[in-house]
Amino acid sequence: MADLVDNMAMDKNDPNPKNLQELTQYVQGLLQNMQDKFQTMSDQILNRIDEMGNRVDDLEKNISDLMTQAGAAPYEQGTPGGVVTGVGVPTEPR
């Protein structure tokens, strides 16, 4: 019964666990804290990747619009190796 009272009074952040149960709880608390931090970081990274993807999409659209305004051939998305084909401003024959 004394152990139960001592465990209930123990602070979860106590760096000096007094028995195996306290040590287990302390380690579980540390692992949960690390997992929460990694999850937060993972979410932030994924949000930034999504944001960057949206920016790239906007940039591609703006480039396509500018090329259309300049009278260039249409922009072909999804070409292998990122090479854009069929783009150019008509030139005079040589």
PDB file of N, CA and C in Angstrom:
ATOM      1  N   MET A   1       0.828  -1.189   0.000  1.00  0.00           N
ATOM      2  CA  MET A   1       0.000   0.000   0.000  1.00  0.00           C
ATOM      3  C   MET A   1       0.874   1.255   0.000  1.00  0.00           C
ATOM      4  N   ALA A   2       1.982   1.215   0.711  1.00  0.00           N
ATOM      5  CA  ALA A   2       2.889   2.364   0.756  1.00  0.00           C
ATOM      6  C   ALA A   2       3.470   2.638  -0.626  1.00  0.00           C
ATOM      7  N   ASP A   3       3.773   1.581  -1.378  1.00  0.00           N
ATOM      8  CA  ASP A   3       4.281   1.759  -2.739  1.00  0.00           C
ATOM      9  C   ASP A   3       3.265   2.474  -3.616  1.00  0.00           C
ATOM     10  N   LEU A   4       2.000   2.117  -3.480  1.00  0.00           N
ATOM     11  CA  LEU A   4       0.942   2.730  -4.267  1.00  0.00           C
ATOM     12  C   LEU A   4       0.860   4.221  -3.972  1.00  0.00           C
ATOM     13  N   VAL A   5       0.932   4.581  -2.702  1.00  0.00           N
ATOM     14  CA  VAL A   5       0.890   5.995  -2.313  1.00  0.00           C
ATOM     15  C   VAL A   5       2.117   6.716  -2.844  1.00  0.00           C
ATOM     16  N   ASP A   6       3.299   6.085  -2.735  1.00  0.00           N
ATOM     17  CA  ASP A   6       4.530   6.702  -3.239  1.00  0.00           C
ATOM     18  C   ASP A   6       4.463   6.894  -4.749  1.00  0.00           C
ATOM     19  N   ASN A   7       3.929   5.893  -5.471  1.00  0.00           N
ATOM     20  CA  ASN A   7       3.825   5.998  -6.929  1.00  0.00           C
ATOM     21  C   ASN A   7       2.857   7.087  -7.343  1.00  0.00           C
ATOM     22  N   MET A   8       1.766   7.220  -6.618  1.00  0.00           N
ATOM     23  CA  MET A   8       0.781   8.254  -6.955  1.00  0.00           C
ATOM     24  C   MET A   8       1.353   9.639  -6.715  1.00  0.00           C
ATOM     25  N   ALA A   9       2.222   9.764  -5.710  1.00  0.00           N
ATOM     26  CA  ALA A   9       2.800  11.064  -5.376  1.00  0.00           C
ATOM     27  C   ALA A   9       3.978  11.406  -6.284  1.00  0.00           C
ATOM     28  N   MET A  10       4.509  10.412  -6.999  1.00  0.00           N
ATOM     29  CA  MET A  10       5.685  10.631  -7.825  1.00  0.00           C
ATOM     30  C   MET A  10       5.375  11.530  -9.014  1.00  0.00           C
ATOM     31  N   ASP A  11       6.232  12.486  -9.231  1.00  0.00           N
ATOM     32  CA  ASP A  11       6.115  13.357 -10.397  1.00  0.00           C
ATOM     33  C   ASP A  11       6.588  12.575 -11.619  1.00  0.00           C
ATOM     34  N   LYS A  12       5.845  12.630 -12.711  1.00  0.00           N
ATOM     35  CA  LYS A  12       6.212  11.878 -13.912  1.00  0.00           C
ATOM     36  C   LYS A  12       7.544  12.341 -14.476  1.00  0.00           C
ATOM     37  N   ASN A  13       7.933  13.557 -14.192  1.00  0.00           N
ATOM     38  CA  ASN A  13       9.192  14.093 -14.698  1.00  0.00           C
ATOM     39  C   ASN A  13      10.333  13.938 -13.705  1.00  0.00           C
ATOM     40  N   ASP A  14      10.120  13.194 -12.633  1.00  0.00           N
ATOM     41  CA  ASP A  14      11.155  12.974 -11.624  1.00  0.00           C
ATOM     42  C   ASP A  14      12.300  12.192 -12.252  1.00  0.00           C
ATOM     43  N   PRO A  15      13.494  12.778 -12.318  1.00  0.00           N
ATOM     44  CA  PRO A  15      14.608  12.095 -12.955  1.00  0.00           C
ATOM     45  C   PRO A  15      15.234  11.008 -12.076  1.00  0.00           C
ATOM     46  N   ASN A  16      14.729  10.821 -10.863  1.00  0.00           N
ATOM     47  CA  ASN A  16      15.298   9.837  -9.946  1.00  0.00           C
ATOM     48  C   ASN A  16      14.259   8.813  -9.519  1.00  0.00           C
ATOM     49  N   PRO A  17      13.919   7.886 -10.407  1.00  0.00           N
ATOM     50  CA  PRO A  17      12.937   6.875 -10.033  1.00  0.00           C
ATOM     51  C   PRO A  17      13.481   5.997  -8.909  1.00  0.00           C
ATOM     52  N   LYS A  18      12.583   5.550  -8.034  1.00  0.00           N
ATOM     53  CA  LYS A  18      13.006   4.835  -6.836  1.00  0.00           C
ATOM     54  C   LYS A  18      12.831   3.324  -6.939  1.00  0.00           C
ATOM     55  N   ASN A  19      12.045   2.844  -7.886  1.00  0.00           N
ATOM     56  CA  ASN A  19      11.875   1.404  -8.058  1.00  0.00           C
ATOM     57  C   ASN A  19      11.642   1.100  -9.531  1.00  0.00           C
ATOM     58  N   LEU A  20      11.503  -0.180  -9.834  1.00  0.00           N
ATOM     59  CA  LEU A  20      11.358  -0.601 -11.228  1.00  0.00           C
ATOM     60  C   LEU A  20      10.105  -0.016 -11.870  1.00  0.00           C
ATOM     61  N   GLN A  21       9.025   0.046 -11.144  1.00  0.00           N
ATOM     62  CA  GLN A  21       7.776   0.582 -11.699  1.00  0.00           C
ATOM     63  C   GLN A  21       7.929   2.063 -12.030  1.00  0.00           C
ATOM     64  N   GLU A  22       8.565   2.814 -11.140  1.00  0.00           N
ATOM     65  CA  GLU A  22       8.790   4.240 -11.412  1.00  0.00           C
ATOM     66  C   GLU A  22       9.721   4.425 -12.595  1.00  0.00           C
ATOM     67  N   LEU A  23      10.745   3.578 -12.675  1.00  0.00           N
ATOM     68  CA  LEU A  23      11.672   3.651 -13.801  1.00  0.00           C
ATOM     69  C   LEU A  23      10.935   3.370 -15.110  1.00  0.00           C
ATOM     70  N   THR A  24      10.079   2.357 -15.102  1.00  0.00           N
ATOM     71  CA  THR A  24       9.297   2.011 -16.293  1.00  0.00           C
ATOM     72  C   THR A  24       8.402   3.174 -16.696  1.00  0.00           C
ATOM     73  N   GLN A  25       7.726   3.775 -15.738  1.00  0.00           N
ATOM     74  CA  GLN A  25       6.844   4.907 -16.038  1.00  0.00           C
ATOM     75  C   GLN A  25       7.647   6.091 -16.572  1.00  0.00           C
ATOM     76  N   TYR A  26       8.817   6.317 -15.983  1.00  0.00           N
ATOM     77  CA  TYR A  26       9.665   7.426 -16.412  1.00  0.00           C
ATOM     78  C   TYR A  26      10.121   7.220 -17.864  1.00  0.00           C
ATOM     79  N   VAL A  27      10.580   6.009 -18.176  1.00  0.00           N
ATOM     80  CA  VAL A  27      11.042   5.713 -19.533  1.00  0.00           C
ATOM     81  C   VAL A  27       9.881   5.803 -20.520  1.00  0.00           C
ATOM     82  N   GLN A  28       8.717   5.288 -20.139  1.00  0.00           N
ATOM     83  CA  GLN A  28       7.546   5.387 -21.021  1.00  0.00           C
ATOM     84  C   GLN A  28       7.185   6.841 -21.277  1.00  0.00           C
ATOM     85  N   GLY A  29       7.286   7.673 -20.240  1.00  0.00           N
ATOM     86  CA  GLY A  29       7.021   9.103 -20.409  1.00  0.00           C
ATOM     87  C   GLY A  29       8.009   9.751 -21.372  1.00  0.00           C
ATOM     88  N   LEU A  30       9.287   9.394 -21.240  1.00  0.00           N
ATOM     89  CA  LEU A  30      10.305   9.939 -22.145  1.00  0.00           C
ATOM     90  C   LEU A  30      10.049   9.498 -23.587  1.00  0.00           C
ATOM     91  N   LEU A  31       9.741   8.220 -23.759  1.00  0.00           N
ATOM     92  CA  LEU A  31       9.481   7.713 -25.102  1.00  0.00           C
ATOM     93  C   LEU A  31       8.241   8.363 -25.713  1.00  0.00           C
ATOM     94  N   GLN A  32       7.208   8.562 -24.921  1.00  0.00           N
ATOM     95  CA  GLN A  32       5.993   9.220 -25.424  1.00  0.00           C
ATOM     96  C   GLN A  32       6.301  10.661 -25.829  1.00  0.00           C
ATOM     97  N   ASN A  33       7.110  11.343 -25.012  1.00  0.00           N
ATOM     98  CA  ASN A  33       7.505  12.715 -25.317  1.00  0.00           C
ATOM     99  C   ASN A  33       8.282  12.765 -26.633  1.00  0.00           C
ATOM    100  N   MET A  34       9.212  11.827 -26.813  1.00  0.00           N
ATOM    101  CA  MET A  34       9.980  11.781 -28.061  1.00  0.00           C
ATOM    102  C   MET A  34       9.075  11.485 -29.246  1.00  0.00           C
ATOM    103  N   GLN A  35       8.147  10.558 -29.075  1.00  0.00           N
ATOM    104  CA  GLN A  35       7.230  10.217 -30.155  1.00  0.00           C
ATOM    105  C   GLN A  35       6.374  11.425 -30.539  1.00  0.00           C
ATOM    106  N   ASP A  36       5.904  12.163 -29.547  1.00  0.00           N
ATOM    107  CA  ASP A  36       5.102  13.360 -29.822  1.00  0.00           C
ATOM    108  C   ASP A  36       5.915  14.396 -30.596  1.00  0.00           C
ATOM    109  N   LYS A  37       7.180  14.580 -30.198  1.00  0.00           N
ATOM    110  CA  LYS A  37       8.029  15.563 -30.887  1.00  0.00           C
ATOM    111  C   LYS A  37       8.307  15.127 -32.318  1.00  0.00           C
ATOM    112  N   PHE A  38       8.594  13.843 -32.518  1.00  0.00           N
ATOM    113  CA  PHE A  38       8.834  13.359 -33.874  1.00  0.00           C
ATOM    114  C   PHE A  38       7.581  13.479 -34.733  1.00  0.00           C
ATOM    115  N   GLN A  39       6.421  13.222 -34.159  1.00  0.00           N
ATOM    116  CA  GLN A  39       5.173  13.346 -34.914  1.00  0.00           C
ATOM    117  C   GLN A  39       4.945  14.791 -35.328  1.00  0.00           C
ATOM    118  N   THR A  40       5.211  15.719 -34.416  1.00  0.00           N
ATOM    119  CA  THR A  40       5.068  17.145 -34.726  1.00  0.00           C
ATOM    120  C   THR A  40       6.016  17.544 -35.858  1.00  0.00           C
ATOM    121  N   MET A  41       7.267  17.091 -35.753  1.00  0.00           N
ATOM    122  CA  MET A  41       8.244  17.406 -36.800  1.00  0.00           C
ATOM    123  C   MET A  41       7.841  16.786 -38.129  1.00  0.00           C
ATOM    124  N   SER A  42       7.368  15.561 -38.100  1.00  0.00           N
ATOM    125  CA  SER A  42       6.928  14.881 -39.322  1.00  0.00           C
ATOM    126  C   SER A  42       5.774  15.635 -39.971  1.00  0.00           C
ATOM    127  N   ASP A  43       4.817  16.052 -39.165  1.00  0.00           N
ATOM    128  CA  ASP A  43       3.674  16.813 -39.692  1.00  0.00           C
ATOM    129  C   ASP A  43       4.143  18.121 -40.320  1.00  0.00           C
ATOM    130  N   GLN A  44       5.095  18.799 -39.670  1.00  0.00           N
ATOM    131  CA  GLN A  44       5.601  20.052 -40.212  1.00  0.00           C
ATOM    132  C   GLN A  44       6.312  19.832 -41.539  1.00  0.00           C
ATOM    133  N   ILE A  45       7.098  18.768 -41.626  1.00  0.00           N
ATOM    134  CA  ILE A  45       7.814  18.470 -42.867  1.00  0.00           C
ATOM    135  C   ILE A  45       6.830  18.160 -43.990  1.00  0.00           C
ATOM    136  N   LEU A  46       5.824  17.340 -43.694  1.00  0.00           N
ATOM    137  CA  LEU A  46       4.834  17.006 -44.725  1.00  0.00           C
ATOM    138  C   LEU A  46       4.064  18.239 -45.181  1.00  0.00           C
ATOM    139  N   ASN A  47       3.731  19.123 -44.249  1.00  0.00           N
ATOM    140  CA  ASN A  47       3.036  20.364 -44.617  1.00  0.00           C
ATOM    141  C   ASN A  47       3.912  21.220 -45.520  1.00  0.00           C
ATOM    142  N   ARG A  48       5.207  21.280 -45.216  1.00  0.00           N
ATOM    143  CA  ARG A  48       6.113  22.074 -46.050  1.00  0.00           C
ATOM    144  C   ARG A  48       6.271  21.465 -47.436  1.00  0.00           C
ATOM    145  N   ILE A  49       6.305  20.135 -47.503  1.00  0.00           N
ATOM    146  CA  ILE A  49       6.397  19.468 -48.802  1.00  0.00           C
ATOM    147  C   ILE A  49       5.141  19.750 -49.627  1.00  0.00           C
ATOM    148  N   ASP A  50       3.969  19.674 -48.984  1.00  0.00           N
ATOM    149  CA  ASP A  50       2.720  19.986 -49.686  1.00  0.00           C
ATOM    150  C   ASP A  50       2.717  21.429 -50.184  1.00  0.00           C
ATOM    151  N   GLU A  51       3.164  22.337 -49.331  1.00  0.00           N
ATOM    152  CA  GLU A  51       3.221  23.748 -49.709  1.00  0.00           C
ATOM    153  C   GLU A  51       4.167  23.950 -50.888  1.00  0.00           C
ATOM    154  N   MET A  52       5.318  23.280 -50.854  1.00  0.00           N
ATOM    155  CA  MET A  52       6.276  23.407 -51.949  1.00  0.00           C
ATOM    156  C   MET A  52       5.689  22.832 -53.242  1.00  0.00           C
ATOM    157  N   GLY A  53       4.957  21.719 -53.146  1.00  0.00           N
ATOM    158  CA  GLY A  53       4.305  21.148 -54.321  1.00  0.00           C
ATOM    159  C   GLY A  53       3.303  22.117 -54.926  1.00  0.00           C
ATOM    160  N   ASN A  54       2.546  22.796 -54.068  1.00  0.00           N
ATOM    161  CA  ASN A  54       1.590  23.797 -54.556  1.00  0.00           C
ATOM    162  C   ASN A  54       2.306  24.955 -55.237  1.00  0.00           C
ATOM    163  N   ARG A  55       3.433  25.357 -54.682  1.00  0.00           N
ATOM    164  CA  ARG A  55       4.187  26.454 -55.287  1.00  0.00           C
ATOM    165  C   ARG A  55       4.744  26.059 -56.652  1.00  0.00           C
ATOM    166  N   VAL A  56       5.218  24.817 -56.750  1.00  0.00           N
ATOM    167  CA  VAL A  56       5.731  24.329 -58.035  1.00  0.00           C
ATOM    168  C   VAL A  56       4.601  24.288 -59.060  1.00  0.00           C
ATOM    169  N   ASP A  57       3.432  23.802 -58.646  1.00  0.00           N
ATOM    170  CA  ASP A  57       2.278  23.775 -59.560  1.00  0.00           C
ATOM    171  C   ASP A  57       1.929  25.186 -60.034  1.00  0.00           C
ATOM    172  N   ASP A  58       1.927  26.143 -59.103  1.00  0.00           N
ATOM    173  CA  ASP A  58       1.636  27.535 -59.475  1.00  0.00           C
ATOM    174  C   ASP A  58       2.694  28.074 -60.436  1.00  0.00           C
ATOM    175  N   LEU A  59       3.944  27.743 -60.176  1.00  0.00           N
ATOM    176  CA  LEU A  59       5.029  28.201 -61.041  1.00  0.00           C
ATOM    177  C   LEU A  59       4.879  27.626 -62.446  1.00  0.00           C
ATOM    178  N   GLU A  60       4.558  26.332 -62.542  1.00  0.00           N
ATOM    179  CA  GLU A  60       4.350  25.721 -63.855  1.00  0.00           C
ATOM    180  C   GLU A  60       3.204  26.396 -64.598  1.00  0.00           C
ATOM    181  N   LYS A  61       2.129  26.701 -63.883  1.00  0.00           N
ATOM    182  CA  LYS A  61       0.984  27.369 -64.519  1.00  0.00           C
ATOM    183  C   LYS A  61       1.377  28.764 -65.003  1.00  0.00           C
ATOM    184  N   ASN A  62       2.113  29.493 -64.166  1.00  0.00           N
ATOM    185  CA  ASN A  62       2.537  30.836 -64.563  1.00  0.00           C
ATOM    186  C   ASN A  62       3.471  30.797 -65.767  1.00  0.00           C
ATOM    187  N   ILE A  63       4.377  29.825 -65.796  1.00  0.00           N
ATOM    188  CA  ILE A  63       5.278  29.698 -66.947  1.00  0.00           C
ATOM    189  C   ILE A  63       4.477  29.379 -68.202  1.00  0.00           C
ATOM    190  N   SER A  64       3.530  28.479 -68.079  1.00  0.00           N
ATOM    191  CA  SER A  64       2.684  28.124 -69.222  1.00  0.00           C
ATOM    192  C   SER A  64       1.907  29.343 -69.718  1.00  0.00           C
ATOM    193  N   ASP A  65       1.354  30.111 -68.797  1.00  0.00           N
ATOM    194  CA  ASP A  65       0.611  31.318 -69.178  1.00  0.00           C
ATOM    195  C   ASP A  65       1.516  32.325 -69.879  1.00  0.00           C
ATOM    196  N   LEU A  66       2.726  32.515 -69.350  1.00  0.00           N
ATOM    197  CA  LEU A  66       3.667  33.462 -69.965  1.00  0.00           C
ATOM    198  C   LEU A  66       4.076  33.005 -71.358  1.00  0.00           C
ATOM    199  N   MET A  67       4.279  31.697 -71.513  1.00  0.00           N
ATOM    200  CA  MET A  67       4.661  31.180 -72.830  1.00  0.00           C
ATOM    201  C   MET A  67       3.518  31.336 -73.819  1.00  0.00           C
ATOM    202  N   THR A  68       2.306  31.137 -73.361  1.00  0.00           N
ATOM    203  CA  THR A  68       1.135  31.321 -74.226  1.00  0.00           C
ATOM    204  C   THR A  68       1.038  32.781 -74.656  1.00  0.00           C
ATOM    205  N   GLN A  69       1.249  33.684 -73.731  1.00  0.00           N
ATOM    206  CA  GLN A  69       1.204  35.113 -74.046  1.00  0.00           C
ATOM    207  C   GLN A  69       2.308  35.505 -75.013  1.00  0.00           C
ATOM    208  N   ALA A  70       3.451  34.823 -74.932  1.00  0.00           N
ATOM    209  CA  ALA A  70       4.579  35.147 -75.808  1.00  0.00           C
ATOM    210  C   ALA A  70       4.440  34.492 -77.174  1.00  0.00           C
ATOM    211  N   GLY A  71       3.422  33.665 -77.356  1.00  0.00           N
ATOM    212  CA  GLY A  71       3.204  33.023 -78.645  1.00  0.00           C
ATOM    213  C   GLY A  71       4.007  31.749 -78.819  1.00  0.00           C
ATOM    214  N   ALA A  72       4.516  31.201 -77.736  1.00  0.00           N
ATOM    215  CA  ALA A  72       5.293  29.966 -77.819  1.00  0.00           C
ATOM    216  C   ALA A  72       4.346  28.781 -77.900  1.00  0.00           C
ATOM    217  N   ALA A  73       4.889  27.655 -78.328  1.00  0.00           N
ATOM    218  CA  ALA A  73       4.094  26.427 -78.377  1.00  0.00           C
ATOM    219  C   ALA A  73       3.680  26.050 -76.960  1.00  0.00           C
ATOM    220  N   PRO A  74       2.628  25.287 -76.820  1.00  0.00           N
ATOM    221  CA  PRO A  74       2.151  24.922 -75.482  1.00  0.00           C
ATOM    222  C   PRO A  74       3.187  24.139 -74.686  1.00  0.00           C
ATOM    223  N   TYR A  75       3.138  24.325 -73.428  1.00  0.00           N
ATOM    224  CA  TYR A  75       4.029  23.643 -72.487  1.00  0.00           C
ATOM    225  C   TYR A  75       3.547  22.212 -72.308  1.00  0.00           C
ATOM    226  N   GLU A  76       4.448  21.241 -72.483  1.00  0.00           N
ATOM    227  CA  GLU A  76       4.088  19.843 -72.323  1.00  0.00           C
ATOM    228  C   GLU A  76       4.577  19.346 -70.978  1.00  0.00           C
ATOM    229  N   GLN A  77       3.645  19.068 -70.087  1.00  0.00           N
ATOM    230  CA  GLN A  77       4.010  18.577 -68.765  1.00  0.00           C
ATOM    231  C   GLN A  77       4.271  17.091 -68.823  1.00  0.00           C
ATOM    232  N   GLY A  78       5.080  16.635 -67.892  1.00  0.00           N
ATOM    233  CA  GLY A  78       5.308  15.211 -67.748  1.00  0.00           C
ATOM    234  C   GLY A  78       6.249  14.619 -68.778  1.00  0.00           C
ATOM    235  N   THR A  79       7.096  15.431 -69.379  1.00  0.00           N
ATOM    236  CA  THR A  79       8.050  14.886 -70.326  1.00  0.00           C
ATOM    237  C   THR A  79       9.182  14.209 -69.559  1.00  0.00           C
ATOM    238  N   PRO A  80       9.768  13.146 -70.113  1.00  0.00           N
ATOM    239  CA  PRO A  80      10.808  12.422 -69.394  1.00  0.00           C
ATOM    240  C   PRO A  80      12.023  13.283 -69.123  1.00  0.00           C
ATOM    241  N   GLY A  81      12.574  13.116 -67.928  1.00  0.00           N
ATOM    242  CA  GLY A  81      13.791  13.829 -67.578  1.00  0.00           C
ATOM    243  C   GLY A  81      13.607  15.311 -67.390  1.00  0.00           C
ATOM    244  N   GLY A  82      12.382  15.762 -67.345  1.00  0.00           N
ATOM    245  CA  GLY A  82      12.118  17.171 -67.133  1.00  0.00           C
ATOM    246  C   GLY A  82      12.407  18.021 -68.364  1.00  0.00           C
ATOM    247  N   VAL A  83      12.668  17.391 -69.510  1.00  0.00           N
ATOM    248  CA  VAL A  83      12.960  18.133 -70.729  1.00  0.00           C
ATOM    249  C   VAL A  83      11.648  18.622 -71.322  1.00  0.00           C
ATOM    250  N   VAL A  84      11.596  19.890 -71.613  1.00  0.00           N
ATOM    251  CA  VAL A  84      10.391  20.476 -72.188  1.00  0.00           C
ATOM    252  C   VAL A  84      10.556  20.455 -73.692  1.00  0.00           C
ATOM    253  N   THR A  85       9.585  19.867 -74.368  1.00  0.00           N
ATOM    254  CA  THR A  85       9.648  19.798 -75.825  1.00  0.00           C
ATOM    255  C   THR A  85       8.536  20.645 -76.421  1.00  0.00           C
ATOM    256  N   GLY A  86       8.724  21.043 -77.640  1.00  0.00           N
ATOM    257  CA  GLY A  86       7.690  21.780 -78.353  1.00  0.00           C
ATOM    258  C   GLY A  86       7.528  23.198 -77.862  1.00  0.00           C
ATOM    259  N   VAL A  87       8.569  23.740 -77.250  1.00  0.00           N
ATOM    260  CA  VAL A  87       8.477  25.086 -76.725  1.00  0.00           C
ATOM    261  C   VAL A  87       9.464  25.949 -77.485  1.00  0.00           C
ATOM    262  N   GLY A  88       9.006  27.069 -77.860  1.00  0.00           N
ATOM    263  CA  GLY A  88       9.908  27.988 -78.533  1.00  0.00           C
ATOM    264  C   GLY A  88       9.141  29.084 -79.216  1.00  0.00           C
ATOM    265  N   VAL A  89       9.809  30.149 -79.421  1.00  0.00           N
ATOM    266  CA  VAL A  89       9.215  31.266 -80.122  1.00  0.00           C
ATOM    267  C   VAL A  89       9.570  31.103 -81.588  1.00  0.00           C
ATOM    268  N   PRO A  90       8.597  31.215 -82.492  1.00  0.00           N
ATOM    269  CA  PRO A  90       8.917  31.050 -83.918  1.00  0.00           C
ATOM    270  C   PRO A  90       9.995  32.024 -84.365  1.00  0.00           C
ATOM    271  N   THR A  91      10.924  31.514 -85.147  1.00  0.00           N
ATOM    272  CA  THR A  91      12.006  32.361 -85.665  1.00  0.00           C
ATOM    273  C   THR A  91      11.867  32.447 -87.175  1.00  0.00           C
ATOM    274  N   GLU A  92      12.594  33.397 -87.740  1.00  0.00           N
ATOM    275  CA  GLU A  92      12.582  33.561 -89.185  1.00  0.00           C
ATOM    276  C   GLU A  92      13.413  32.474 -89.820  1.00  0.00           C
ATOM    277  N   PRO A  93      13.033  31.998 -91.007  1.00  0.00           N
ATOM    278  CA  PRO A  93      13.853  30.992 -91.681  1.00  0.00           C
ATOM    279  C   PRO A  93      15.236  31.524 -91.995  1.00  0.00           C
ATOM    280  N   ARG A  94      16.200  30.633 -92.007  1.00  0.00           N
ATOM    281  CA  ARG A  94      17.587  31.045 -92.262  1.00  0.00           C
ATOM    282  C   ARG A  94      17.869  31.153 -93.723  1.00  0.00           C
TER     283      ARG A  94
END
